[in-house]
Protein backbone atom coordinates (compact mmCIF):
# COMPACT_ATOMS: atom_id res chain seq x y z
CA MET A 1 38.88 -115.29 83.65
CA ALA A 2 37.04 -117.94 81.80
CA GLY A 3 33.91 -116.80 83.14
CA SER A 4 33.73 -113.30 82.15
CA ASN A 5 32.29 -113.40 78.95
CA ARG A 6 29.59 -116.05 80.21
CA ASN A 7 26.47 -113.43 80.33
CA ARG A 8 28.01 -111.37 77.57
CA LYS A 9 24.91 -110.80 75.23
CA LEU A 10 25.44 -111.59 71.48
CA ILE A 11 22.88 -108.56 70.71
CA PRO A 12 23.08 -106.25 73.65
CA GLU A 13 19.89 -104.22 72.47
CA SER A 14 17.81 -107.55 73.46
CA ARG A 15 18.25 -106.74 77.01
CA GLN A 16 15.39 -104.33 77.16
CA MET A 17 13.31 -106.81 75.29
CA LEU A 18 13.72 -109.54 77.38
CA ASP A 19 13.15 -107.44 80.43
CA GLN A 20 10.15 -106.54 79.08
CA MET A 21 8.93 -109.75 77.96
CA LYS A 22 9.87 -111.08 81.67
CA TYR A 23 7.71 -108.51 83.48
CA GLU A 24 4.85 -108.91 81.15
CA ILE A 25 4.65 -112.84 81.50
CA ALA A 26 5.11 -112.24 85.70
CA ALA A 27 1.81 -109.91 85.30
CA GLU A 28 0.49 -112.75 83.00
CA PHE A 29 1.24 -115.01 86.13
CA GLY A 30 0.11 -112.85 88.54
CA LEU A 31 3.59 -112.59 90.26
CA PRO A 32 3.99 -109.35 92.56
CA VAL A 33 7.58 -108.73 91.16
CA ALA A 34 7.74 -105.18 90.64
CA GLN A 35 7.01 -101.62 91.93
CA ALA A 36 6.02 -98.54 89.66
CA GLY A 37 9.44 -97.07 90.03
CA SER A 38 11.52 -100.35 90.03
CA LEU A 39 11.39 -101.07 86.13
CA GLY A 40 14.50 -99.27 85.83
CA GLY A 41 12.97 -96.83 83.14
CA ALA A 42 11.41 -99.53 80.95
CA ASP A 43 8.61 -98.80 78.61
CA THR A 44 6.15 -101.74 79.66
CA GLU A 45 2.82 -101.95 78.90
CA PHE A 46 1.94 -103.83 82.17
CA ALA A 47 4.03 -101.10 84.33
CA GLY A 48 0.98 -99.84 85.97
CA GLU A 49 -0.52 -103.38 86.65
CA LEU A 50 2.96 -104.25 87.93
CA GLY A 51 3.46 -101.07 90.59
CA ALA A 52 -0.51 -102.10 91.39
CA MET A 53 0.41 -105.32 92.88
CA GLY A 54 2.97 -104.32 95.23
CA GLY A 55 4.53 -107.31 96.54
CA GLN A 56 5.64 -109.37 99.32
CA GLY A 57 8.01 -108.20 101.90
CA SER A 58 8.79 -104.59 101.88
CA GLY A 59 9.43 -103.99 98.29
CA GLY A 60 8.43 -106.96 96.38
CA GLY A 61 10.39 -108.15 93.59
CA TRP A 62 12.29 -111.32 92.12
CA LYS A 63 13.93 -112.35 95.82
CA TYR A 64 10.78 -112.90 97.23
CA GLN A 65 9.41 -115.39 94.86
CA THR A 66 10.26 -119.21 94.99
CA SER A 67 12.82 -120.72 92.80
CA ARG A 68 9.68 -122.56 90.77
CA GLU A 69 7.71 -119.20 90.41
CA ASN A 70 10.75 -117.46 88.63
CA GLY A 71 11.84 -120.44 86.95
CA SER A 72 8.25 -120.65 85.34
CA VAL A 73 8.58 -117.03 83.91
CA GLY A 74 12.27 -118.55 82.27
CA GLY A 75 10.60 -121.13 80.80
CA GLU A 76 7.52 -119.05 79.37
CA ILE A 77 10.31 -116.68 77.83
CA THR A 78 12.13 -119.58 76.07
CA LYS A 79 8.95 -121.23 74.94
CA ARG A 80 8.06 -118.18 73.44
CA LEU A 81 11.50 -117.25 71.59
CA VAL A 82 11.52 -120.85 70.43
CA ALA A 83 7.84 -120.50 69.02
CA GLN A 84 8.72 -117.14 67.42
CA ALA A 85 12.15 -118.65 65.77
CA GLU A 86 9.77 -121.41 64.35
CA ARG A 87 7.22 -118.99 62.80
CA ASP A 88 10.10 -116.49 61.74
CA PHE A 89 11.44 -119.39 60.10
CA LEU A 90 8.87 -120.99 58.01
CA LEU A 91 8.00 -117.35 56.48
């Protein structure tokens, strides 16, 4: 099973931070990707806004977004993480 460790996080605690960042960026981009109860318990600053936005289809969510929309969120996460690493490196 060569691919079984492929998605293993080096820092497991990073999952919640990355999820929070994902939903915050989606809210900034105006993407309707979550409802109030669907954040899986994550305490995000924009949880109320995300719930108020509703979504496409019956439940909204990432599966109703285009690949471009989802990719733009992932690209922005990468951009912000690189910028943070560069700032930390310079300090």
